[in-house]
Structure formats: C-alpha cells, structure tokens
Amino acid sequence: MRGNFNAAALNLGTFDPMTTSVTLLLGPTTYTVNQIKLRSSLHIYGMGAGGLSQQTILQSCSTCSTTDMFVIGGTSPVSGIEIAHLRIYGANGNLGATNQSALSFIAQAGGGGVWFSTFHDLNISGFNGGGGTHGVIRLDGSAGGSPPGENQFDTFRNIQANRAVGGGPILEITGIEGQLSFIDNNFDAQPSDTTGTNILIQDSAANLFPFNIIFYNMTTQAGNVAVNTKGCNMCSFYQGHFEKSHGAFLVGPSASGTTNTTLQIQNSQFNNNVGIDSGNGYLVNVTESNLHAAVLFNGNNFGTPDATIKGNIAGATSYGNTGGTTVGSFLWNNNNGFPYTTINTGILPDGSGLKHKRVPGCTTGATSGNLCLTTVTWTTSFFDANYTVACQLVNTTALGHLGNTGVISAGSFQINTVTDSNHAISGTIDCIAVHD
C-alpha cells in the first residue's frame, strides 16, 4: 500500500487476514484503523516511528474510543507475527487519551495466545488502557484452561509508550505469561504525574503466574510506582534507568497468596528524584511475606532516596551497590568499600532475623547462689529454634548475674538469674538474638 494515497486505501477499517499470510507495507502517511486482528504470519511494516516526515501513523477511528487496536484473531495460538516501524495513536490522537489498549493480547483458554512474535520500533500514545484500568500494552493469560492460554516467546523492542494521568499502566502482564523479552524500551507516565503504576506484573491464580520475564536497558519515568510485581516467578531488570517516581519496585502480595515473586534488579541507575516521597519513598518495598519474596538488588547506582529497601527486608538481598540512604533503619554507604554499613538509628525489635527484648527478671532467694528462672517470649516467633541469644542483667539492687539459657524454642527461651550476695535480686533482663 506504499504509494497508494487514495482515501479508501488510507482507511484500514477492521483488518483481518483470516487464514491468508499477509505482509502489509504502509507508506509515510496516516491510516485510520478500527481494529487489527492478529493471525499467524501477519507482518505490518511502516516507514518509521521516529517523528520525521517519513513516519507512518495508525490512527484509531474517532468512534473507537473503547475499541482496542491490535487484538488476537480467533481462539487458537497465533505465531510468526511482526509489527514494526509505526506510530500508534488512540481515538483522540496522540494527546487526548481514551479507554482503549493499543496492543491487547488476551489469550483464550485452552492454549490460545501470541507466540514467537516480534514488535519493534513503535511509538504509542493517546491510550488509557482497556476500560481505563488495563494496560496500554496488555498481555493477559488469566483465562486458564488445559493447556492454559498464554502469550509466550515474544519480543518487544525499541518501543516508546506513554500513559495518561489516571489511566491504566503502560504495560500490564497478568496470569500465565512466559519467556517475554523487553529490550531498549521507554515506558513513561506524563512528566508531572505522580500517580499510578507504569508497569504491572501479576498472577491471577495459584497456577497462573508470569515467569521468565526479562527487561534490558529499559527507561521508565514519573508516576507513583515504576514497577509493581505481584507473583512473578523470575522477573529480571538489567541496566534499567529510572527517574522521578515515588517508588521504583513494589513487591506486593500475589493474587493466589502462594505464588513466589523472584525478582532481580541489577546494574541499574536510579536518579536522585527516585524514591523521594516525604519519607515514604523507596527503591524496593517488599509488602509480600518473606516466604514468597526473593529480591536481589545488586550493582545498582542511586542517590539518597527515603529508603533503599523497606518492608519485609528479609525477603531482599543487596550487595555491590553505590549510594547512600536509610534502609529499614540502616544507613547504607557505598558498600563496594569500607565502611560497609553504618547503623545510625535503632534496630526494629521484632525482625525475622534479629530481635531484641527487655523483660522484668524473676526474684531470687536471699542467699548467695540462689537462682530463679525467667521465660523470655518473643513478640513473634523465629522461623525455628536455630538462633543465638545474648542477655545482660541490669537494674539490680545487689550483685548478681545471669546463668545458662535453656529450653530454647522458636517462640521463647529460659534463662537463670543468680544472686552473688546474701540479698534477693530481680532486675531487668535485656536480650538480643540473631538467627543462624
């Protein structure tokens, strides 16, 4: 269709190649689209998305404000698709966003979805996401079935996509989705927007969860949360660039309550305006339980956010980073060199790996050597009894000391108070315990 600028040629309408393998070549102009249905071996190539005079624009029709532009055709898997070198605008153009998704790949139950396909050199704007809540780019594998429907083995490269204020995320990955690659992409909220989520990755049931999702050299800017992961079994972010968001990574509870979130964030840059929110900002906030969260934060560079890692910090491992900030009551300096960590505030008394407790001691007899036994109960139990505890006796009226500990369990232990003179003592027992 390159070179054909007749009015009829510029209105693609509802384009469905059905069972025919189609390669569509579009010229440097604007084409109106109702909807494009993806079928196997469909290739659509424009002249470029870079904003020059030779760009190709796909403009959603003026009455299509709730119609997603690219969707899956039929219920069976489609594969071998390539969509490239296009600008994609919503029904109101590239400025006034409407409640529609640009790419909406909702996999049908029983094995449907987009497989082994590539989407690259796309500039997407003017979309709020389907229904105003789903993603501008929506990959949905929540239908299930046997085998379950899923989008898999797909690559998204050199895509610039924006979301409007109050709309859905730029990228939404829900349910069982696997082996997806996002390379050299720019996913931004509006520059002054401090609300919403840019990227949402979540499970939909215990056996329907995203897995093996990789982001390389991605830039995301503005919004409240850059990335919200809730049940992704291995999501990896390498060489990312983050700007102007209150929180970078929110690791929340999965929909099923059982799906593990395994997240790697490595060799990325977090600008000074990331993680700043009147003391509530963060680079990583783990609100999922420690049992279901495993976050690796390694080799990153950042400024001084309100917190680097907070929440259930036992669910995160951090090393080899450059920056300085308070992190769950710690001040992390440049931990590539000495000093590694400076503790500049109090330690929370009831962590899963480190606890401290202060309790009244029992009262001994009035003869030297008399002893009594105190049970120290932790506010919440350790995972098991494999911890080391150290205690001291303070505020006694006469000489005395603490004897041996005994009956150690995950939730408590016992310790003896001994008087060293012919006076009864009690005092206060201060203890610190570290899990092995």
Protein backbone atom coordinates (compact mmCIF):
# COMPACT_ATOMS: atom_id res chain seq x y z
CA MET A 1 0.00 0.00 0.00
CA ARG A 2 3.02 2.28 -0.09
CA GLY A 3 2.41 4.94 -2.72
CA ASN A 4 -1.36 4.45 -2.71
CA PHE A 5 -2.79 7.58 -1.06
CA ASN A 6 -6.38 7.23 -2.19
CA ALA A 7 -8.92 7.82 0.57
CA ALA A 8 -10.10 4.21 0.51
CA ALA A 9 -6.54 2.93 0.89
CA LEU A 10 -5.95 5.12 3.95
CA ASN A 11 -8.88 3.62 5.88
CA LEU A 12 -7.88 0.14 7.02
CA GLY A 13 -11.15 -0.35 8.93
CA THR A 14 -11.29 -3.73 10.67
CA PHE A 15 -8.35 -5.60 9.18
CA ASP A 16 -8.43 -9.41 9.49
CA PRO A 17 -6.24 -11.56 7.20
CA MET A 18 -8.06 -14.72 8.36
CA THR A 19 -6.14 -17.76 7.02
CA THR A 20 -4.04 -15.83 4.48
CA SER A 21 -0.40 -14.99 5.21
CA VAL A 22 -0.17 -11.24 4.70
CA THR A 23 2.70 -8.75 4.59
CA LEU A 24 1.35 -5.20 4.62
CA LEU A 25 3.67 -2.34 3.60
CA LEU A 26 2.40 1.07 4.70
CA GLY A 27 3.58 4.43 3.43
CA PRO A 28 4.63 7.68 5.16
CA THR A 29 1.13 8.91 5.99
CA THR A 30 -1.77 8.42 8.42
CA TYR A 31 -4.03 5.37 8.21
CA THR A 32 -7.33 5.12 10.08
CA VAL A 33 -7.95 1.85 11.91
CA ASN A 34 -10.97 0.34 13.63
CA GLN A 35 -9.16 -2.82 14.74
CA ILE A 36 -6.42 -5.14 13.50
CA LYS A 37 -6.76 -8.84 14.27
CA LEU A 38 -3.53 -10.75 14.60
CA ARG A 39 -3.27 -14.01 12.68
CA SER A 40 -0.24 -16.24 12.13
CA SER A 41 2.39 -14.87 9.74
CA LEU A 42 0.93 -11.36 9.66
CA HIS A 43 3.62 -8.74 9.02
CA ILE A 44 2.89 -5.00 9.06
CA TYR A 45 5.73 -2.58 8.28
CA GLY A 46 5.52 1.20 8.30
CA MET A 47 8.16 3.74 7.29
CA GLY A 48 9.24 4.57 10.83
CA ALA A 49 8.09 5.81 14.25
CA GLY A 50 10.70 8.47 14.80
CA GLY A 51 8.65 11.59 14.19
CA LEU A 52 10.16 12.58 10.85
CA SER A 53 8.18 13.31 7.70
CA GLN A 54 8.54 9.68 6.61
CA GLN A 55 6.74 8.28 9.67
CA THR A 56 3.69 6.02 9.42
CA ILE A 57 0.76 6.66 11.77
CA LEU A 58 -2.02 4.23 12.64
CA GLN A 59 -4.85 6.42 13.96
CA SER A 60 -7.69 4.75 15.86
CA CYS A 61 -11.04 5.81 14.39
CA SER A 62 -12.92 8.64 16.11
CA THR A 63 -15.73 6.28 17.22
CA CYS A 64 -13.31 3.63 18.53
CA SER A 65 -12.64 5.17 21.93
CA THR A 66 -13.30 1.86 23.71
CA THR A 67 -12.04 -0.46 20.97
CA ASP A 68 -8.56 -1.97 21.42
CA MET A 69 -6.49 -1.57 18.25
CA PHE A 70 -4.42 -4.79 17.97
CA VAL A 71 -6.14 -7.96 19.25
CA ILE A 72 -5.79 -11.71 18.77
CA GLY A 73 -7.91 -13.13 15.95
CA GLY A 74 -9.68 -16.35 16.87
CA THR A 75 -9.10 -18.67 19.81
CA SER A 76 -6.07 -20.67 18.63
CA PRO A 77 -2.43 -19.65 19.07
CA VAL A 78 -1.06 -17.20 16.51
CA SER A 79 2.65 -17.03 15.74
CA GLY A 80 5.27 -15.59 13.45
CA ILE A 81 3.85 -12.05 13.68
CA GLU A 82 5.95 -8.91 13.19
CA ILE A 83 4.61 -5.37 13.68
CA ALA A 84 7.20 -2.63 13.16
CA HIS A 85 8.06 1.00 12.29
CA LEU A 86 4.76 2.63 13.29
CA ARG A 87 3.26 5.40 15.37
CA ILE A 88 0.04 4.22 17.05
CA TYR A 89 -2.46 6.82 18.28
CA GLY A 90 -5.68 6.47 20.26
CA ALA A 91 -9.10 7.67 19.11
CA ASN A 92 -8.39 11.26 20.16
CA GLY A 93 -4.95 11.33 18.60
CA ASN A 94 -1.69 11.29 20.48
CA LEU A 95 -2.76 13.75 23.20
CA GLY A 96 -6.29 13.07 24.48
CA ALA A 97 -6.14 9.54 25.92
CA THR A 98 -9.14 7.20 25.64
CA ASN A 99 -10.12 3.97 27.41
CA GLN A 100 -8.59 1.56 24.95
CA SER A 101 -5.44 -0.54 24.72
CA ALA A 102 -3.03 -0.25 21.82
CA LEU A 103 -1.89 -3.89 21.99
CA SER A 104 -4.41 -6.16 23.76
CA PHE A 105 -3.36 -9.80 23.69
CA ILE A 106 -5.94 -11.67 25.78
CA ALA A 107 -5.08 -15.36 25.42
CA GLN A 108 -8.07 -17.65 25.09
CA ALA A 109 -8.44 -20.69 27.35
CA GLY A 110 -7.03 -23.93 26.03
CA GLY A 111 -3.73 -22.76 24.59
CA GLY A 112 -4.53 -19.51 22.78
CA GLY A 113 -2.18 -16.51 22.70
CA VAL A 114 0.55 -14.77 20.70
CA TRP A 115 3.64 -16.95 20.29
CA PHE A 116 7.10 -16.44 18.75
CA SER A 117 6.36 -12.91 17.55
CA THR A 118 8.17 -9.56 17.45
CA PHE A 119 7.01 -5.97 17.97
CA HIS A 120 9.56 -3.20 17.46
CA ASP A 121 10.11 0.46 16.56
CA LEU A 122 6.68 1.52 17.82
CA ASN A 123 5.65 4.88 19.31
CA ILE A 124 2.39 4.54 21.26
CA SER A 125 0.39 7.39 22.80
CA GLY A 126 -3.16 8.57 23.40
CA PHE A 127 -4.31 5.45 25.28
CA ASN A 128 -5.58 4.97 28.86
CA GLY A 129 -5.68 1.19 28.59
CA GLY A 130 -8.74 -1.02 28.12
CA GLY A 131 -11.56 0.20 30.34
CA GLY A 132 -9.22 2.84 31.75
CA THR A 133 -7.72 0.24 34.10
CA HIS A 134 -5.88 -2.29 31.93
CA GLY A 135 -2.57 -1.73 30.24
CA VAL A 136 -1.82 0.36 27.17
CA ILE A 137 0.07 -2.81 26.26
CA ARG A 138 -1.97 -5.67 27.75
CA LEU A 139 -0.73 -9.28 27.90
CA ASP A 140 -3.36 -11.37 29.66
CA GLY A 141 -3.07 -15.08 30.37
CA SER A 142 -5.69 -15.36 33.11
CA ALA A 143 -8.22 -17.47 31.16
CA GLY A 144 -6.58 -20.76 32.14
CA GLY A 145 -7.73 -23.98 30.52
CA SER A 146 -5.81 -27.15 29.71
CA PRO A 147 -3.37 -26.29 28.34
CA PRO A 148 -3.73 -22.73 29.60
CA GLY A 149 -3.84 -19.81 27.21
CA GLU A 150 -0.69 -17.72 27.33
CA ASN A 151 1.46 -15.28 25.40
CA GLN A 152 4.98 -16.66 25.15
CA PHE A 153 8.32 -16.36 23.36
CA ASP A 154 7.59 -12.78 22.29
CA THR A 155 9.99 -9.85 21.94
CA PHE A 156 9.15 -6.15 22.39
CA ARG A 157 11.99 -3.89 21.30
CA ASN A 158 12.51 -0.15 20.77
CA ILE A 159 9.03 0.75 21.95
CA GLN A 160 8.18 4.19 23.30
CA ALA A 161 4.85 4.16 25.11
CA ASN A 162 3.16 6.69 27.39
CA ARG A 163 0.20 6.50 29.71
CA ALA A 164 -2.22 9.28 30.58
CA VAL A 165 -2.94 10.62 34.07
CA GLY A 166 -5.48 8.43 35.82
CA GLY A 167 -5.30 5.61 33.28
CA GLY A 168 -4.10 2.04 33.47
CA PRO A 169 -0.43 1.01 33.43
CA ILE A 170 1.70 1.31 30.32
CA LEU A 171 2.47 -2.41 30.43
CA GLU A 172 0.24 -4.98 32.11
CA ILE A 173 1.29 -8.66 32.33
CA THR A 174 -1.34 -10.84 34.03
CA GLY A 175 -1.66 -14.58 34.53
CA ILE A 176 0.46 -17.22 32.87
CA GLU A 177 2.86 -15.43 30.52
CA GLY A 178 6.30 -16.79 29.76
CA GLN A 179 9.60 -16.13 28.01
CA LEU A 180 8.89 -12.48 27.23
CA SER A 181 11.72 -10.05 26.38
CA PHE A 182 11.51 -6.26 26.64
CA ILE A 183 14.61 -4.60 25.17
CA ASP A 184 15.54 -0.90 24.76
CA ASN A 185 12.07 0.39 25.66
CA ASN A 186 10.86 3.70 27.14
CA PHE A 187 7.71 3.43 29.30
CA ASP A 188 6.75 6.83 30.80
CA ALA A 189 3.96 8.48 32.69
CA GLN A 190 3.27 12.15 31.98
CA PRO A 191 6.18 14.34 33.23
CA SER A 192 4.26 15.94 36.11
CA ASP A 193 2.23 12.83 37.03
CA THR A 194 2.92 11.42 40.50
CA THR A 195 0.11 8.86 40.44
CA GLY A 196 -0.44 5.36 39.10
CA THR A 197 1.79 2.46 38.07
CA ASN A 198 3.89 2.28 34.91
CA ILE A 199 4.46 -1.50 34.78
CA LEU A 200 2.22 -4.09 36.45
CA ILE A 201 3.16 -7.79 36.57
CA GLN A 202 0.82 -10.10 38.49
CA ASP A 203 -0.52 -13.63 38.84
CA SER A 204 -4.24 -14.38 38.61
CA ALA A 205 -4.37 -17.76 40.38
CA ALA A 206 -2.06 -20.27 42.05
CA ASN A 207 -1.15 -21.94 38.73
CA LEU A 208 -1.47 -18.86 36.52
CA PHE A 209 1.57 -16.66 37.00
CA PRO A 210 4.13 -14.83 34.83
CA PHE A 211 7.55 -16.43 34.53
CA ASN A 212 10.87 -15.71 32.84
CA ILE A 213 10.17 -12.06 32.02
CA ILE A 214 13.29 -10.02 31.17
CA PHE A 215 13.74 -6.25 30.81
CA TYR A 216 17.02 -4.96 29.40
CA ASN A 217 18.03 -1.29 29.06
CA MET A 218 14.54 -0.02 29.88
CA THR A 219 13.80 3.59 30.86
CA THR A 220 10.73 4.50 32.90
CA GLN A 221 9.91 7.93 34.29
CA ALA A 222 7.33 9.67 36.51
CA GLY A 223 4.24 8.15 38.12
CA ASN A 224 3.83 6.89 41.68
CA VAL A 225 5.29 3.38 41.20
CA ALA A 226 7.61 2.40 38.35
CA VAL A 227 7.17 -1.39 38.64
CA ASN A 228 4.62 -3.34 40.68
CA THR A 229 5.28 -7.10 40.77
CA LYS A 230 2.79 -9.42 42.46
CA GLY A 231 3.63 -13.03 41.81
CA CYS A 232 6.25 -13.11 39.02
CA ASN A 233 8.32 -16.28 39.15
CA MET A 234 11.58 -14.78 37.86
CA CYS A 235 11.41 -11.24 36.57
CA SER A 236 14.75 -9.65 35.74
CA PHE A 237 15.61 -5.99 35.19
CA TYR A 238 19.10 -5.24 33.82
CA GLN A 239 20.69 -1.88 33.00
CA GLY A 240 17.47 -0.01 33.74
CA HIS A 241 17.15 3.76 34.02
CA PHE A 242 14.61 5.19 36.48
CA GLU A 243 13.53 8.78 37.02
CA LYS A 244 11.01 10.79 39.04
CA SER A 245 8.84 8.18 40.75
CA HIS A 246 7.92 7.88 44.43
CA GLY A 247 8.70 4.17 44.42
CA ALA A 248 10.76 2.12 41.96
CA PHE A 249 9.79 -1.50 42.75
CA LEU A 250 6.78 -2.51 44.83
CA VAL A 251 6.75 -6.24 45.59
CA GLY A 252 3.20 -6.91 46.72
CA PRO A 253 1.17 -9.99 47.71
CA SER A 254 0.18 -12.29 44.88
CA ALA A 255 -3.46 -12.82 43.96
CA SER A 256 -3.25 -16.50 44.92
CA GLY A 257 -1.33 -15.92 48.15
CA THR A 258 1.04 -18.74 47.20
CA THR A 259 2.91 -17.61 44.07
CA ASN A 260 6.54 -16.71 44.72
CA THR A 261 7.95 -13.42 43.43
CA THR A 262 11.55 -13.90 42.32
CA LEU A 263 12.88 -10.52 41.22
CA GLN A 264 16.36 -9.46 40.12
CA ILE A 265 17.29 -5.77 39.77
CA GLN A 266 20.86 -5.38 38.58
CA ASN A 267 23.27 -2.77 37.22
CA SER A 268 20.62 -0.06 37.02
CA GLN A 269 20.60 3.70 37.52
CA PHE A 270 18.14 5.36 39.90
CA ASN A 271 18.29 9.15 39.62
CA ASN A 272 18.19 11.41 42.67
CA ASN A 273 14.47 12.07 42.16
CA VAL A 274 13.50 8.38 42.58
CA GLY A 275 12.29 7.18 45.97
CA ILE A 276 11.51 10.64 47.35
CA ASP A 277 8.06 10.97 48.93
CA SER A 278 8.14 12.90 52.23
CA GLY A 279 9.88 9.99 53.94
CA ASN A 280 7.71 7.30 52.32
CA GLY A 281 9.68 6.76 49.11
CA TYR A 282 11.75 3.69 48.29
CA LEU A 283 13.69 1.83 45.64
CA VAL A 284 12.33 -1.55 46.78
CA ASN A 285 9.33 -2.04 49.06
CA VAL A 286 8.56 -5.69 49.93
CA THR A 287 5.00 -5.95 51.23
CA GLU A 288 4.76 -9.63 50.27
CA SER A 289 5.66 -12.13 53.02
CA ASN A 290 9.30 -13.18 53.31
CA LEU A 291 8.34 -16.76 52.43
CA HIS A 292 7.10 -15.72 48.98
CA ALA A 293 9.52 -12.91 48.07
CA ALA A 294 13.13 -13.19 46.93
CA VAL A 295 14.55 -9.89 45.63
CA LEU A 296 18.16 -9.43 44.51
CA PHE A 297 19.32 -5.80 44.38
CA ASN A 298 22.84 -5.82 43.02
CA GLY A 299 25.30 -3.49 41.28
CA ASN A 300 22.92 -0.52 41.17
CA ASN A 301 23.64 3.20 41.49
CA PHE A 302 21.30 5.57 43.33
CA GLY A 303 21.15 8.86 45.17
CA THR A 304 19.58 9.37 48.60
CA PRO A 305 16.02 8.03 48.47
CA ASP A 306 13.91 7.84 51.61
CA ALA A 307 14.70 4.10 51.73
CA THR A 308 16.55 1.71 49.51
CA ILE A 309 14.83 -1.45 50.76
CA LYS A 310 11.98 -1.42 53.24
CA GLY A 311 9.07 -3.55 54.36
CA ASN A 312 9.90 -7.24 54.76
CA ILE A 313 13.60 -6.66 54.25
CA ALA A 314 14.38 -10.32 54.99
CA GLY A 315 12.90 -11.03 51.56
CA ALA A 316 15.64 -8.98 49.84
CA THR A 317 19.39 -9.32 49.33
CA SER A 318 21.52 -6.30 48.45
CA TYR A 319 25.22 -6.00 47.68
CA GLY A 320 27.68 -4.23 45.41
CA ASN A 321 25.58 -1.05 45.17
CA THR A 322 26.71 2.58 45.15
CA GLY A 323 24.68 5.16 47.04
CA GLY A 324 23.70 6.33 50.49
CA THR A 325 20.31 6.19 52.16
CA THR A 326 18.38 4.96 55.14
CA VAL A 327 17.27 1.39 54.57
CA GLY A 328 14.94 -0.18 57.09
CA SER A 329 16.72 1.71 59.93
CA PHE A 330 20.15 1.30 58.34
CA LEU A 331 22.34 3.84 56.58
CA TRP A 332 23.87 2.19 53.54
CA ASN A 333 27.02 3.85 52.32
CA ASN A 334 28.98 2.91 49.23
CA ASN A 335 29.06 -0.79 50.08
CA ASN A 336 31.68 -1.52 47.44
CA GLY A 337 34.23 -0.39 50.00
CA PHE A 338 34.73 0.17 53.72
CA PRO A 339 32.71 1.13 55.72
CA TYR A 340 30.06 -1.30 54.55
CA THR A 341 27.11 -0.41 56.76
CA THR A 342 26.65 2.24 59.43
CA ILE A 343 23.81 1.67 61.88
CA ASN A 344 22.63 5.16 62.71
CA THR A 345 19.22 4.51 64.28
CA GLY A 346 17.59 1.88 66.44
CA ILE A 347 17.01 -1.68 65.29
CA LEU A 348 13.41 -2.81 64.94
CA PRO A 349 12.83 -5.17 67.90
CA ASP A 350 10.99 -7.93 66.11
CA GLY A 351 12.67 -8.76 62.81
CA SER A 352 12.69 -12.28 61.43
CA GLY A 353 16.50 -12.48 61.62
CA LEU A 354 17.34 -10.13 64.52
CA LYS A 355 15.29 -9.50 67.66
CA HIS A 356 15.78 -7.72 70.95
CA LYS A 357 13.63 -7.97 74.04
CA ARG A 358 13.61 -6.39 77.52
CA VAL A 359 11.65 -8.13 80.31
CA PRO A 360 11.46 -7.97 84.15
CA GLY A 361 13.60 -10.61 85.85
CA CYS A 362 12.36 -13.05 88.47
CA THR A 363 13.25 -12.65 92.17
CA THR A 364 15.92 -14.90 93.67
CA GLY A 365 16.28 -16.06 97.26
CA ALA A 366 18.38 -14.07 99.76
CA THR A 367 21.35 -16.48 99.91
CA SER A 368 24.36 -16.21 97.63
CA GLY A 369 23.98 -18.65 94.75
CA ASN A 370 20.20 -18.71 94.86
CA LEU A 371 18.67 -18.62 91.38
CA CYS A 372 15.33 -18.37 89.64
CA LEU A 373 14.14 -18.98 86.08
CA THR A 374 12.63 -16.44 83.68
CA THR A 375 10.91 -17.33 80.40
CA VAL A 376 11.50 -14.74 77.66
CA THR A 377 8.81 -14.92 74.97
CA TRP A 378 9.38 -13.25 71.61
CA THR A 379 6.63 -10.99 70.27
CA THR A 380 6.60 -13.13 67.11
CA SER A 381 8.43 -16.42 66.81
CA PHE A 382 11.59 -17.09 64.86
CA PHE A 383 11.22 -19.48 61.91
CA ASP A 384 12.79 -22.20 64.09
CA ALA A 385 14.97 -22.56 67.21
CA ASN A 386 18.28 -22.06 65.33
CA TYR A 387 19.26 -18.73 66.83
CA THR A 388 21.91 -17.42 69.22
CA VAL A 389 20.84 -15.25 72.14
CA ALA A 390 22.90 -12.98 74.41
CA CYS A 391 21.48 -11.33 77.55
CA GLN A 392 22.59 -8.99 80.34
CA LEU A 393 21.16 -8.27 83.77
CA VAL A 394 20.67 -4.60 84.70
CA ASN A 395 18.98 -2.53 87.42
CA THR A 396 19.73 -4.91 90.31
CA THR A 397 19.96 -3.73 93.92
CA ALA A 398 22.85 -6.09 94.72
CA LEU A 399 25.46 -8.11 92.85
CA GLY A 400 24.18 -10.84 90.58
CA HIS A 401 24.48 -12.35 87.14
CA LEU A 402 22.64 -14.37 84.52
CA GLY A 403 23.23 -18.08 84.33
CA ASN A 404 22.78 -20.50 81.47
CA THR A 405 19.89 -20.46 79.00
CA GLY A 406 17.69 -23.46 78.43
CA VAL A 407 14.55 -24.79 76.71
CA ILE A 408 15.12 -22.77 73.52
CA SER A 409 12.22 -22.86 71.04
CA ALA A 410 11.23 -20.73 68.07
CA GLY A 411 8.95 -18.65 70.29
CA SER A 412 10.81 -18.39 73.60
CA PHE A 413 13.74 -19.42 75.79
CA GLN A 414 14.52 -19.61 79.53
CA ILE A 415 17.36 -18.03 81.47
CA ASN A 416 18.51 -18.12 85.15
CA THR A 417 19.07 -15.11 87.39
CA VAL A 418 21.66 -15.76 90.14
CA THR A 419 22.39 -13.62 93.23
CA ASP A 420 26.07 -13.18 94.16
CA SER A 421 25.46 -11.99 97.74
CA ASN A 422 23.10 -12.68 100.60
CA HIS A 423 20.48 -10.43 99.08
CA ALA A 424 17.48 -11.21 96.91
CA ILE A 425 17.67 -9.61 93.45
CA SER A 426 15.47 -9.33 90.39
CA GLY A 427 16.46 -6.60 87.92
CA THR A 428 15.74 -6.39 84.19
CA ILE A 429 16.87 -8.85 81.54
CA ASP A 430 17.95 -7.34 78.17
CA CYS A 431 18.44 -9.81 75.29
CA ILE A 432 19.48 -9.77 71.63
CA ALA A 433 19.05 -12.82 69.39
CA VAL A 434 20.37 -13.48 65.89
CA HIS A 435 19.04 -16.28 63.69
CA ASP A 436 21.72 -18.58 62.28
